[in-house]
């Protein structure tokens, strides 16, 4: 059940990420590589609260400690991998920026679930 909650929460955060990315690139004319970190930040907020309050159901944890650990997981693992893979796909393929972002957002959760479950929300 926890894995399903992780997928639903992560899917919601990924949808927020893709929507914000689209808004920033298509409507505000930012470059995809500049818009991606901003979209990541808003998706992070959705992800943290969804995972904290629902996926890992941590009503007893101290938000400050958990937030710092989850932020480290997201920044060091998820964002670095996200931006790195996204940059590679945009640089070396002819993929649309949203397709490239979708691919990245489908791959990264395997790493973040493991680190979130066994470290950040432990």
Protein backbone atom coordinates (compact mmCIF):
# COMPACT_ATOMS: atom_id res chain seq x y z
CA UNK A 1 0.00 0.00 0.00
CA UNK A 2 2.85 2.38 0.82
CA UNK A 3 4.34 1.92 -2.66
CA UNK A 4 0.97 2.79 -4.24
CA UNK A 5 0.75 5.93 -2.09
CA UNK A 6 4.31 6.81 -3.14
CA UNK A 7 3.39 6.40 -6.80
CA UNK A 8 0.21 8.50 -6.46
CA UNK A 9 1.99 11.28 -4.55
CA UNK A 10 4.98 11.16 -6.89
CA UNK A 11 2.68 11.16 -9.90
CA UNK A 12 0.89 14.23 -8.57
CA UNK A 13 4.22 15.99 -7.96
CA UNK A 14 5.39 14.98 -11.45
CA UNK A 15 2.18 16.39 -12.96
CA UNK A 16 2.76 19.65 -11.10
CA UNK A 17 6.36 19.66 -12.36
CA UNK A 18 5.32 19.12 -15.99
CA UNK A 19 2.52 21.69 -15.80
CA UNK A 20 4.74 24.39 -14.28
CA UNK A 21 7.50 23.55 -16.78
CA UNK A 22 5.03 23.96 -19.64
CA UNK A 23 3.73 27.25 -18.21
CA UNK A 24 7.22 28.67 -17.80
CA UNK A 25 8.50 27.57 -21.21
CA UNK A 26 5.48 28.02 -23.47
CA UNK A 27 3.78 30.96 -21.80
CA UNK A 28 6.69 32.82 -20.21
CA UNK A 29 9.34 31.89 -22.77
CA UNK A 30 11.98 30.66 -20.31
CA UNK A 31 14.42 28.08 -21.58
CA UNK A 32 13.63 24.50 -20.49
CA UNK A 33 16.88 24.23 -18.54
CA UNK A 34 16.11 27.40 -16.59
CA UNK A 35 12.43 26.56 -16.07
CA UNK A 36 13.16 23.02 -14.83
CA UNK A 37 14.60 24.02 -11.41
CA UNK A 38 11.62 26.31 -10.77
CA UNK A 39 9.17 23.54 -11.67
CA UNK A 40 11.18 21.15 -9.48
CA UNK A 41 10.85 23.50 -6.50
CA UNK A 42 7.06 23.67 -6.69
CA UNK A 43 6.81 19.92 -7.23
CA UNK A 44 9.07 19.42 -4.19
CA UNK A 45 6.53 21.16 -1.97
CA UNK A 46 3.74 18.88 -3.22
CA UNK A 47 6.01 15.86 -2.85
CA UNK A 48 7.16 16.62 0.70
CA UNK A 49 3.72 17.24 2.15
CA UNK A 50 2.16 14.33 0.26
CA UNK A 51 4.84 11.89 1.37
CA UNK A 52 5.09 13.27 4.89
CA UNK A 53 1.39 13.30 5.65
CA UNK A 54 0.09 10.44 3.51
CA UNK A 55 2.68 8.07 2.03
CA UNK A 56 4.82 7.62 5.12
CA UNK A 57 2.08 8.86 7.50
CA UNK A 58 4.50 10.54 9.86
CA UNK A 59 2.30 12.41 12.27
CA UNK A 60 4.80 11.78 15.05
CA UNK A 61 7.93 13.01 13.27
CA UNK A 62 9.53 16.37 13.73
CA UNK A 63 8.92 18.22 10.46
CA UNK A 64 12.17 20.13 10.68
CA UNK A 65 14.32 16.97 10.87
CA UNK A 66 12.33 15.11 8.23
CA UNK A 67 12.19 18.14 5.94
CA UNK A 68 15.99 18.53 6.06
CA UNK A 69 16.55 14.83 5.29
CA UNK A 70 13.94 14.82 2.51
CA UNK A 71 15.39 18.02 1.07
CA UNK A 72 18.84 16.37 0.99
CA UNK A 73 17.39 13.32 -0.77
CA UNK A 74 15.61 15.54 -3.26
CA UNK A 75 18.47 17.96 -3.89
CA UNK A 76 21.40 15.61 -3.94
CA UNK A 77 19.74 12.65 -5.53
CA UNK A 78 16.59 13.64 -7.28
CA UNK A 79 17.46 17.13 -8.49
CA UNK A 80 21.06 16.41 -9.50
CA UNK A 81 19.93 13.28 -11.35
CA UNK A 82 16.90 15.09 -12.74
CA UNK A 83 18.78 18.10 -14.07
CA UNK A 84 21.72 16.01 -15.27
CA UNK A 85 19.63 13.48 -17.19
CA UNK A 86 17.34 16.25 -18.46
CA UNK A 87 20.35 18.20 -19.75
CA UNK A 88 21.72 15.09 -21.48
CA UNK A 89 18.39 14.31 -23.13
CA UNK A 90 17.90 17.88 -24.33
CA UNK A 91 21.49 18.16 -25.54
CA UNK A 92 21.92 14.81 -27.27
CA UNK A 93 18.43 13.90 -28.48
CA UNK A 94 15.73 15.54 -30.50
CA UNK A 95 13.09 14.94 -27.85
CA UNK A 96 10.53 17.60 -27.01
CA UNK A 97 11.39 19.20 -23.65
CA UNK A 98 8.19 17.84 -22.04
CA UNK A 99 8.83 14.30 -23.28
CA UNK A 100 12.39 14.49 -21.95
CA UNK A 101 11.10 15.70 -18.59
CA UNK A 102 8.49 12.93 -18.47
CA UNK A 103 11.20 10.30 -19.06
CA UNK A 104 13.33 11.76 -16.28
CA UNK A 105 10.37 11.98 -13.90
CA UNK A 106 9.59 8.30 -14.54
CA UNK A 107 13.16 7.09 -13.81
CA UNK A 108 14.19 9.07 -10.71
CA UNK A 109 11.49 7.84 -8.26
CA UNK A 110 13.11 4.43 -7.83
CA UNK A 111 16.04 6.06 -6.08
CA UNK A 112 14.03 8.58 -4.10
CA UNK A 113 11.55 5.98 -2.79
CA UNK A 114 14.34 3.89 -1.33
CA UNK A 115 16.10 6.83 0.30
CA UNK A 116 12.84 8.37 1.54
CA UNK A 117 11.52 5.14 3.06
CA UNK A 118 14.70 3.96 4.73
CA UNK A 119 16.31 7.24 5.70
CA UNK A 120 14.35 10.50 5.38
CA UNK A 121 11.07 9.31 6.90
CA UNK A 122 12.50 6.62 9.16
